Amino acid sequence: MQKPTTHEALREALTDDRYRILEVLAEHGELRSSEIRDYAEIPDGSTHYQLSMLDSWNLITPVGTQYVGEYENGIPATVYTLTEEGQALVEGW
């Protein structure tokens, strides 16, 4: 799905899950994808899709990787934060 071209279309495209992701990132700053899933209460199977969509719309961006597990050699997890556009969107609502 391409990024909606109007402000109203963007509001309509921001499902409850997508908007909760933006709110959680506005509140916490930077979070791993699993933390976003837990805080926003997103179903396991849709988290990656929702994050990919918001990233492609330039509302969030990956800022690094954290390794989850002992001795930092566990599973790599992407860390996300809001973009300026994402932050402005949340503040405007």
PDB file of N, CA and C in Angstrom:
ATOM      1  N   MET A   1       0.847  -1.172   0.000  1.00  0.00           N
ATOM      2  CA  MET A   1       0.000   0.000   0.000  1.00  0.00           C
ATOM      3  C   MET A   1       0.894   1.238   0.000  1.00  0.00           C
ATOM      4  N   GLN A   2       0.640   2.128  -0.936  1.00  0.00           N
ATOM      5  CA  GLN A   2       1.401   3.369  -0.996  1.00  0.00           C
ATOM      6  C   GLN A   2       0.924   4.334   0.083  1.00  0.00           C
ATOM      7  N   LYS A   3       1.805   5.258   0.419  1.00  0.00           N
ATOM      8  CA  LYS A   3       1.454   6.248   1.428  1.00  0.00           C
ATOM      9  C   LYS A   3       0.297   7.096   0.913  1.00  0.00           C
ATOM     10  N   PRO A   4      -0.730   7.272   1.715  1.00  0.00           N
ATOM     11  CA  PRO A   4      -1.848   8.131   1.320  1.00  0.00           C
ATOM     12  C   PRO A   4      -1.344   9.547   1.011  1.00  0.00           C
ATOM     13  N   THR A   5      -1.962  10.182   0.038  1.00  0.00           N
ATOM     14  CA  THR A   5      -1.466  11.471  -0.429  1.00  0.00           C
ATOM     15  C   THR A   5      -2.121  12.665   0.247  1.00  0.00           C
ATOM     16  N   THR A   6      -3.207  12.456   0.944  1.00  0.00           N
ATOM     17  CA  THR A   6      -3.843  13.572   1.648  1.00  0.00           C
ATOM     18  C   THR A   6      -3.859  13.285   3.140  1.00  0.00           C
ATOM     19  N   HIS A   7      -3.990  14.344   3.921  1.00  0.00           N
ATOM     20  CA  HIS A   7      -4.029  14.198   5.376  1.00  0.00           C
ATOM     21  C   HIS A   7      -5.212  13.331   5.808  1.00  0.00           C
ATOM     22  N   GLU A   8      -6.349  13.534   5.172  1.00  0.00           N
ATOM     23  CA  GLU A   8      -7.540  12.744   5.521  1.00  0.00           C
ATOM     24  C   GLU A   8      -7.367  11.276   5.154  1.00  0.00           C
ATOM     25  N   ALA A   9      -6.786  11.004   4.004  1.00  0.00           N
ATOM     26  CA  ALA A   9      -6.553   9.621   3.588  1.00  0.00           C
ATOM     27  C   ALA A   9      -5.555   8.938   4.531  1.00  0.00           C
ATOM     28  N   LEU A  10      -4.568   9.700   4.999  1.00  0.00           N
ATOM     29  CA  LEU A  10      -3.613   9.140   5.946  1.00  0.00           C
ATOM     30  C   LEU A  10      -4.307   8.780   7.253  1.00  0.00           C
ATOM     31  N   ARG A  11      -5.181   9.644   7.737  1.00  0.00           N
ATOM     32  CA  ARG A  11      -5.939   9.339   8.962  1.00  0.00           C
ATOM     33  C   ARG A  11      -6.735   8.045   8.795  1.00  0.00           C
ATOM     34  N   GLU A  12      -7.368   7.888   7.651  1.00  0.00           N
ATOM     35  CA  GLU A  12      -8.167   6.683   7.401  1.00  0.00           C
ATOM     36  C   GLU A  12      -7.281   5.436   7.335  1.00  0.00           C
ATOM     37  N   ALA A  13      -6.059   5.586   6.817  1.00  0.00           N
ATOM     38  CA  ALA A  13      -5.154   4.445   6.669  1.00  0.00           C
ATOM     39  C   ALA A  13      -4.499   4.047   7.985  1.00  0.00           C
ATOM     40  N   LEU A  14      -4.521   4.950   8.953  1.00  0.00           N
ATOM     41  CA  LEU A  14      -3.927   4.635  10.249  1.00  0.00           C
ATOM     42  C   LEU A  14      -4.932   3.854  11.093  1.00  0.00           C
ATOM     43  N   THR A  15      -4.885   2.548  10.919  1.00  0.00           N
ATOM     44  CA  THR A  15      -5.752   1.669  11.689  1.00  0.00           C
ATOM     45  C   THR A  15      -5.422   1.818  13.170  1.00  0.00           C
ATOM     46  N   ASP A  16      -6.234   1.242  14.008  1.00  0.00           N
ATOM     47  CA  ASP A  16      -5.982   1.295  15.446  1.00  0.00           C
ATOM     48  C   ASP A  16      -4.577   0.804  15.781  1.00  0.00           C
ATOM     49  N   ASP A  17      -4.166  -0.327  15.186  1.00  0.00           N
ATOM     50  CA  ASP A  17      -2.837  -0.872  15.459  1.00  0.00           C
ATOM     51  C   ASP A  17      -1.744   0.109  15.056  1.00  0.00           C
ATOM     52  N   ARG A  18      -1.853   0.672  13.886  1.00  0.00           N
ATOM     53  CA  ARG A  18      -0.824   1.596  13.396  1.00  0.00           C
ATOM     54  C   ARG A  18      -0.757   2.847  14.262  1.00  0.00           C
ATOM     55  N   TYR A  19      -1.898   3.365  14.633  1.00  0.00           N
ATOM     56  CA  TYR A  19      -1.880   4.574  15.452  1.00  0.00           C
ATOM     57  C   TYR A  19      -1.319   4.278  16.850  1.00  0.00           C
ATOM     58  N   ARG A  20      -1.662   3.115  17.406  1.00  0.00           N
ATOM     59  CA  ARG A  20      -1.118   2.753  18.722  1.00  0.00           C
ATOM     60  C   ARG A  20       0.408   2.636  18.673  1.00  0.00           C
ATOM     61  N   ILE A  21       0.929   2.136  17.569  1.00  0.00           N
ATOM     62  CA  ILE A  21       2.386   2.059  17.408  1.00  0.00           C
ATOM     63  C   ILE A  21       2.989   3.459  17.467  1.00  0.00           C
ATOM     64  N   LEU A  22       2.381   4.400  16.762  1.00  0.00           N
ATOM     65  CA  LEU A  22       2.891   5.771  16.780  1.00  0.00           C
ATOM     66  C   LEU A  22       2.818   6.365  18.180  1.00  0.00           C
ATOM     67  N   GLU A  23       1.715   6.125  18.872  1.00  0.00           N
ATOM     68  CA  GLU A  23       1.563   6.639  20.239  1.00  0.00           C
ATOM     69  C   GLU A  23       2.617   6.056  21.180  1.00  0.00           C
ATOM     70  N   VAL A  24       2.856   4.761  21.067  1.00  0.00           N
ATOM     71  CA  VAL A  24       3.833   4.092  21.928  1.00  0.00           C
ATOM     72  C   VAL A  24       5.230   4.655  21.676  1.00  0.00           C
ATOM     73  N   LEU A  25       5.584   4.860  20.419  1.00  0.00           N
ATOM     74  CA  LEU A  25       6.898   5.412  20.121  1.00  0.00           C
ATOM     75  C   LEU A  25       7.006   6.868  20.580  1.00  0.00           C
ATOM     76  N   ALA A  26       5.913   7.613  20.496  1.00  0.00           N
ATOM     77  CA  ALA A  26       5.928   8.995  20.989  1.00  0.00           C
ATOM     78  C   ALA A  26       6.169   9.015  22.496  1.00  0.00           C
ATOM     79  N   GLU A  27       5.618   8.050  23.183  1.00  0.00           N
ATOM     80  CA  GLU A  27       5.752   7.990  24.641  1.00  0.00           C
ATOM     81  C   GLU A  27       7.120   7.480  25.090  1.00  0.00           C
ATOM     82  N   HIS A  28       7.655   6.489  24.375  1.00  0.00           N
ATOM     83  CA  HIS A  28       8.866   5.809  24.841  1.00  0.00           C
ATOM     84  C   HIS A  28      10.130   6.161  24.062  1.00  0.00           C
ATOM     85  N   GLY A  29      10.024   6.816  22.939  1.00  0.00           N
ATOM     86  CA  GLY A  29      11.216   7.168  22.162  1.00  0.00           C
ATOM     87  C   GLY A  29      11.634   6.048  21.238  1.00  0.00           C
ATOM     88  N   GLU A  30      12.626   5.281  21.639  1.00  0.00           N
ATOM     89  CA  GLU A  30      13.131   4.171  20.839  1.00  0.00           C
ATOM     90  C   GLU A  30      12.759   2.851  21.502  1.00  0.00           C
ATOM     91  N   LEU A  31      12.248   1.917  20.669  1.00  0.00           N
ATOM     92  CA  LEU A  31      11.855   0.598  21.189  1.00  0.00           C
ATOM     93  C   LEU A  31      12.170  -0.484  20.174  1.00  0.00           C
ATOM     94  N   ARG A  32      12.449  -1.688  20.688  1.00  0.00           N
ATOM     95  CA  ARG A  32      12.568  -2.862  19.818  1.00  0.00           C
ATOM     96  C   ARG A  32      11.181  -3.235  19.312  1.00  0.00           C
ATOM     97  N   SER A  33      11.141  -3.932  18.197  1.00  0.00           N
ATOM     98  CA  SER A  33       9.860  -4.324  17.620  1.00  0.00           C
ATOM     99  C   SER A  33       9.021  -5.136  18.596  1.00  0.00           C
ATOM    100  N   SER A  34       9.642  -6.007  19.370  1.00  0.00           N
ATOM    101  CA  SER A  34       8.886  -6.808  20.338  1.00  0.00           C
ATOM    102  C   SER A  34       8.317  -5.934  21.457  1.00  0.00           C
ATOM    103  N   GLU A  35       9.041  -4.899  21.851  1.00  0.00           N
ATOM    104  CA  GLU A  35       8.532  -3.980  22.868  1.00  0.00           C
ATOM    105  C   GLU A  35       7.347  -3.181  22.313  1.00  0.00           C
ATOM    106  N   ILE A  36       7.467  -2.771  21.064  1.00  0.00           N
ATOM    107  CA  ILE A  36       6.350  -2.061  20.422  1.00  0.00           C
ATOM    108  C   ILE A  36       5.118  -2.952  20.414  1.00  0.00           C
ATOM    109  N   ARG A  37       5.311  -4.198  20.022  1.00  0.00           N
ATOM    110  CA  ARG A  37       4.202  -5.163  19.981  1.00  0.00           C
ATOM    111  C   ARG A  37       3.540  -5.282  21.352  1.00  0.00           C
ATOM    112  N   ASP A  38       4.352  -5.408  22.389  1.00  0.00           N
ATOM    113  CA  ASP A  38       3.813  -5.584  23.734  1.00  0.00           C
ATOM    114  C   ASP A  38       3.106  -4.332  24.242  1.00  0.00           C
ATOM    115  N   TYR A  39       3.743  -3.173  24.111  1.00  0.00           N
ATOM    116  CA  TYR A  39       3.142  -1.931  24.596  1.00  0.00           C
ATOM    117  C   TYR A  39       1.863  -1.569  23.828  1.00  0.00           C
ATOM    118  N   ALA A  40       1.885  -1.781  22.518  1.00  0.00           N
ATOM    119  CA  ALA A  40       0.740  -1.406  21.683  1.00  0.00           C
ATOM    120  C   ALA A  40      -0.311  -2.508  21.607  1.00  0.00           C
ATOM    121  N   GLU A  41       0.021  -3.682  22.168  1.00  0.00           N
ATOM    122  CA  GLU A  41      -0.886  -4.827  22.159  1.00  0.00           C
ATOM    123  C   GLU A  41      -1.304  -5.205  20.740  1.00  0.00           C
ATOM    124  N   ILE A  42      -0.297  -5.355  19.896  1.00  0.00           N
ATOM    125  CA  ILE A  42      -0.484  -5.742  18.497  1.00  0.00           C
ATOM    126  C   ILE A  42      -0.350  -7.266  18.404  1.00  0.00           C
ATOM    127  N   PRO A  43      -1.180  -7.936  17.606  1.00  0.00           N
ATOM    128  CA  PRO A  43      -1.028  -9.388  17.437  1.00  0.00           C
ATOM    129  C   PRO A  43       0.350  -9.738  16.870  1.00  0.00           C
ATOM    130  N   ASP A  44       0.920 -10.838  17.340  1.00  0.00           N
ATOM    131  CA  ASP A  44       2.251 -11.260  16.901  1.00  0.00           C
ATOM    132  C   ASP A  44       2.400 -11.279  15.384  1.00  0.00           C
ATOM    133  N   GLY A  45       1.434 -11.815  14.703  1.00  0.00           N
ATOM    134  CA  GLY A  45       1.545 -12.000  13.260  1.00  0.00           C
ATOM    135  C   GLY A  45       1.494 -10.735  12.429  1.00  0.00           C
ATOM    136  N   SER A  46       1.023  -9.636  12.976  1.00  0.00           N
ATOM    137  CA  SER A  46       0.887  -8.428  12.162  1.00  0.00           C
ATOM    138  C   SER A  46       1.888  -7.335  12.492  1.00  0.00           C
ATOM    139  N   THR A  47       2.701  -7.532  13.513  1.00  0.00           N
ATOM    140  CA  THR A  47       3.624  -6.480  13.945  1.00  0.00           C
ATOM    141  C   THR A  47       4.581  -6.074  12.826  1.00  0.00           C
ATOM    142  N   HIS A  48       5.246  -7.035  12.221  1.00  0.00           N
ATOM    143  CA  HIS A  48       6.220  -6.718  11.166  1.00  0.00           C
ATOM    144  C   HIS A  48       5.550  -5.978  10.009  1.00  0.00           C
ATOM    145  N   TYR A  49       4.375  -6.436   9.609  1.00  0.00           N
ATOM    146  CA  TYR A  49       3.661  -5.778   8.515  1.00  0.00           C
ATOM    147  C   TYR A  49       3.331  -4.323   8.863  1.00  0.00           C
ATOM    148  N   GLN A  50       2.811  -4.097  10.057  1.00  0.00           N
ATOM    149  CA  GLN A  50       2.441  -2.741  10.468  1.00  0.00           C
ATOM    150  C   GLN A  50       3.674  -1.837  10.535  1.00  0.00           C
ATOM    151  N   LEU A  51       4.773  -2.347  11.094  1.00  0.00           N
ATOM    152  CA  LEU A  51       6.003  -1.568  11.175  1.00  0.00           C
ATOM    153  C   LEU A  51       6.547  -1.255   9.783  1.00  0.00           C
ATOM    154  N   SER A  52       6.498  -2.233   8.896  1.00  0.00           N
ATOM    155  CA  SER A  52       6.969  -2.016   7.519  1.00  0.00           C
ATOM    156  C   SER A  52       6.147  -0.947   6.822  1.00  0.00           C
ATOM    157  N   MET A  53       4.847  -0.979   7.034  1.00  0.00           N
ATOM    158  CA  MET A  53       3.959   0.006   6.424  1.00  0.00           C
ATOM    159  C   MET A  53       4.291   1.413   6.933  1.00  0.00           C
ATOM    160  N   LEU A  54       4.401   1.560   8.246  1.00  0.00           N
ATOM    161  CA  LEU A  54       4.698   2.875   8.821  1.00  0.00           C
ATOM    162  C   LEU A  54       6.079   3.369   8.400  1.00  0.00           C
ATOM    163  N   ASP A  55       7.029   2.459   8.257  1.00  0.00           N
ATOM    164  CA  ASP A  55       8.366   2.824   7.790  1.00  0.00           C
ATOM    165  C   ASP A  55       8.308   3.299   6.334  1.00  0.00           C
ATOM    166  N   SER A  56       7.571   2.593   5.497  1.00  0.00           N
ATOM    167  CA  SER A  56       7.481   2.987   4.083  1.00  0.00           C
ATOM    168  C   SER A  56       6.766   4.321   3.910  1.00  0.00           C
ATOM    169  N   TRP A  57       5.935   4.695   4.880  1.00  0.00           N
ATOM    170  CA  TRP A  57       5.240   5.990   4.842  1.00  0.00           C
ATOM    171  C   TRP A  57       6.060   7.086   5.513  1.00  0.00           C
ATOM    172  N   ASN A  58       7.281   6.765   5.943  1.00  0.00           N
ATOM    173  CA  ASN A  58       8.194   7.709   6.590  1.00  0.00           C
ATOM    174  C   ASN A  58       7.635   8.276   7.891  1.00  0.00           C
ATOM    175  N   LEU A  59       6.906   7.451   8.643  1.00  0.00           N
ATOM    176  CA  LEU A  59       6.389   7.867   9.945  1.00  0.00           C
ATOM    177  C   LEU A  59       7.242   7.310  11.082  1.00  0.00           C
ATOM    178  N   ILE A  60       7.916   6.183  10.828  1.00  0.00           N
ATOM    179  CA  ILE A  60       8.877   5.620  11.773  1.00  0.00           C
ATOM    180  C   ILE A  60      10.130   5.263  10.986  1.00  0.00           C
ATOM    181  N   THR A  61      11.216   5.042  11.714  1.00  0.00           N
ATOM    182  CA  THR A  61      12.454   4.644  11.050  1.00  0.00           C
ATOM    183  C   THR A  61      13.271   3.742  11.967  1.00  0.00           C
ATOM    184  N   PRO A  62      13.953   2.751  11.389  1.00  0.00           N
ATOM    185  CA  PRO A  62      14.841   1.933  12.205  1.00  0.00           C
ATOM    186  C   PRO A  62      16.090   2.747  12.563  1.00  0.00           C
ATOM    187  N   VAL A  63      16.538   2.620  13.812  1.00  0.00           N
ATOM    188  CA  VAL A  63      17.700   3.386  14.259  1.00  0.00           C
ATOM    189  C   VAL A  63      18.833   2.496  14.764  1.00  0.00           C
ATOM    190  N   GLY A  64      18.656   1.204  14.671  1.00  0.00           N
ATOM    191  CA  GLY A  64      19.710   0.311  15.111  1.00  0.00           C
ATOM    192  C   GLY A  64      19.195  -1.081  15.384  1.00  0.00           C
ATOM    193  N   THR A  65      20.080  -1.874  15.957  1.00  0.00           N
ATOM    194  CA  THR A  65      19.760  -3.261  16.292  1.00  0.00           C
ATOM    195  C   THR A  65      20.222  -3.532  17.714  1.00  0.00           C
ATOM    196  N   GLN A  66      19.396  -4.221  18.461  1.00  0.00           N
ATOM    197  CA  GLN A  66      19.785  -4.699  19.791  1.00  0.00           C
ATOM    198  C   GLN A  66      19.706  -6.216  19.762  1.00  0.00           C
ATOM    199  N   TYR A  67      20.625  -6.839  20.452  1.00  0.00           N
ATOM    200  CA  TYR A  67      20.614  -8.295  20.540  1.00  0.00           C
ATOM    201  C   TYR A  67      19.945  -8.699  21.834  1.00  0.00           C
ATOM    202  N   VAL A  68      18.940  -9.530  21.697  1.00  0.00           N
ATOM    203  CA  VAL A  68      18.156  -9.966  22.844  1.00  0.00           C
ATOM    204  C   VAL A  68      18.641 -11.352  23.246  1.00  0.00           C
ATOM    205  N   GLY A  69      19.118 -11.455  24.452  1.00  0.00           N
ATOM    206  CA  GLY A  69      19.607 -12.729  24.947  1.00  0.00           C
ATOM    207  C   GLY A  69      20.877 -12.522  25.752  1.00  0.00           C
ATOM    208  N   GLU A  70      21.418 -13.609  26.214  1.00  0.00           N
ATOM    209  CA  GLU A  70      22.624 -13.534  27.039  1.00  0.00           C
ATOM    210  C   GLU A  70      23.827 -13.100  26.222  1.00  0.00           C
ATOM    211  N   TYR A  71      24.651 -12.297  26.838  1.00  0.00           N
ATOM    212  CA  TYR A  71      25.944 -11.896  26.289  1.00  0.00           C
ATOM    213  C   TYR A  71      25.846 -11.204  24.932  1.00  0.00           C
ATOM    214  N   GLU A  72      24.731 -10.608  24.653  1.00  0.00           N
ATOM    215  CA  GLU A  72      24.499  -9.863  23.414  1.00  0.00           C
ATOM    216  C   GLU A  72      24.815 -10.668  22.156  1.00  0.00           C
ATOM    217  N   ASN A  73      24.592 -11.951  22.194  1.00  0.00           N
ATOM    218  CA  ASN A  73      24.770 -12.757  20.994  1.00  0.00           C
ATOM    219  C   ASN A  73      23.498 -13.534  20.696  1.00  0.00           C
ATOM    220  N   GLY A  74      22.383 -12.996  21.152  1.00  0.00           N
ATOM    221  CA  GLY A  74      21.093 -13.642  20.944  1.00  0.00           C
ATOM    222  C   GLY A  74      20.483 -13.225  19.620  1.00  0.00           C
ATOM    223  N   ILE A  75      19.209 -13.070  19.628  1.00  0.00           N
ATOM    224  CA  ILE A  75      18.447 -12.745  18.427  1.00  0.00           C
ATOM    225  C   ILE A  75      18.517 -11.238  18.167  1.00  0.00           C
ATOM    226  N   PRO A  76      18.871 -10.820  16.937  1.00  0.00           N
ATOM    227  CA  PRO A  76      18.897  -9.390  16.649  1.00  0.00           C
ATOM    228  C   PRO A  76      17.478  -8.836  16.530  1.00  0.00           C
ATOM    229  N   ALA A  77      17.253  -7.669  17.115  1.00  0.00           N
ATOM    230  CA  ALA A  77      15.945  -7.019  17.058  1.00  0.00           C
ATOM    231  C   ALA A  77      16.142  -5.579  16.588  1.00  0.00           C
ATOM    232  N   THR A  78      15.330  -5.166  15.642  1.00  0.00           N
ATOM    233  CA  THR A  78      15.402  -3.806  15.119  1.00  0.00           C
ATOM    234  C   THR A  78      14.798  -2.839  16.128  1.00  0.00           C
ATOM    235  N   VAL A  79      15.451  -1.702  16.288  1.00  0.00           N
ATOM    236  CA  VAL A  79      14.975  -0.636  17.170  1.00  0.00           C
ATOM    237  C   VAL A  79      14.410   0.469  16.278  1.00  0.00           C
ATOM    238  N   TYR A  80      13.198   0.946  16.627  1.00  0.00           N
ATOM    239  CA  TYR A  80      12.512   1.975  15.838  1.00  0.00           C
ATOM    240  C   TYR A  80      12.281   3.235  16.655  1.00  0.00           C
ATOM    241  N   THR A  81      12.116   4.345  15.948  1.00  0.00           N
ATOM    242  CA  THR A  81      11.705   5.604  16.549  1.00  0.00           C
ATOM    243  C   THR A  81      10.829   6.344  15.543  1.00  0.00           C
ATOM    244  N   LEU A  82      10.160   7.375  16.001  1.00  0.00           N
ATOM    245  CA  LEU A  82       9.359   8.201  15.106  1.00  0.00           C
ATOM    246  C   LEU A  82      10.252   9.093  14.259  1.00  0.00           C
ATOM    247  N   THR A  83       9.826   9.367  13.044  1.00  0.00           N
ATOM    248  CA  THR A  83      10.470  10.392  12.232  1.00  0.00           C
ATOM    249  C   THR A  83       9.880  11.738  12.645  1.00  0.00           C
ATOM    250  N   GLU A  84      10.411  12.812  12.117  1.00  0.00           N
ATOM    251  CA  GLU A  84       9.836  14.133  12.398  1.00  0.00           C
ATOM    252  C   GLU A  84       8.381  14.183  11.930  1.00  0.00           C
ATOM    253  N   GLU A  85       8.122  13.600  10.781  1.00  0.00           N
ATOM    254  CA  GLU A  85       6.750  13.572  10.247  1.00  0.00           C
ATOM    255  C   GLU A  85       5.831  12.763  11.149  1.00  0.00           C
ATOM    256  N   GLY A  86       6.312  11.639  11.645  1.00  0.00           N
ATOM    257  CA  GLY A  86       5.522  10.817  12.565  1.00  0.00           C
ATOM    258  C   GLY A  86       5.245  11.544  13.869  1.00  0.00           C
ATOM    259  N   GLN A  87       6.262  12.231  14.387  1.00  0.00           N
ATOM    260  CA  GLN A  87       6.110  12.984  15.624  1.00  0.00           C
ATOM    261  C   GLN A  87       5.083  14.112  15.442  1.00  0.00           C
ATOM    262  N   ALA A  88       5.171  14.824  14.328  1.00  0.00           N
ATOM    263  CA  ALA A  88       4.232  15.913  14.048  1.00  0.00           C
ATOM    264  C   ALA A  88       2.811  15.390  13.913  1.00  0.00           C
ATOM    265  N   LEU A  89       2.670  14.221  13.313  1.00  0.00           N
ATOM    266  CA  LEU A  89       1.350  13.623  13.138  1.00  0.00           C
ATOM    267  C   LEU A  89       0.714  13.309  14.498  1.00  0.00           C
ATOM    268  N   VAL A  90       1.497  12.676  15.385  1.00  0.00           N
ATOM    269  CA  VAL A  90       0.973  12.328  16.698  1.00  0.00           C
ATOM    270  C   VAL A  90       0.640  13.598  17.491  1.00  0.00           C
ATOM    271  N   GLU A  91       1.515  14.584  17.451  1.00  0.00           N
ATOM    272  CA  GLU A  91       1.275  15.829  18.179  1.00  0.00           C
ATOM    273  C   GLU A  91       0.058  16.578  17.646  1.00  0.00           C
ATOM    274  N   GLY A  92      -0.206  16.433  16.348  1.00  0.00           N
ATOM    275  CA  GLY A  92      -1.336  17.120  15.730  1.00  0.00           C
ATOM    276  C   GLY A  92      -2.679  16.487  16.046  1.00  0.00           C
ATOM    277  N   TRP A  93      -2.654  15.249  16.566  1.00  0.00           N
ATOM    278  CA  TRP A  93      -3.915  14.577  16.886  1.00  0.00           C
ATOM    279  C   TRP A  93      -4.102  14.621  18.345  1.00  0.00           C
TER     280      TRP A  93
END
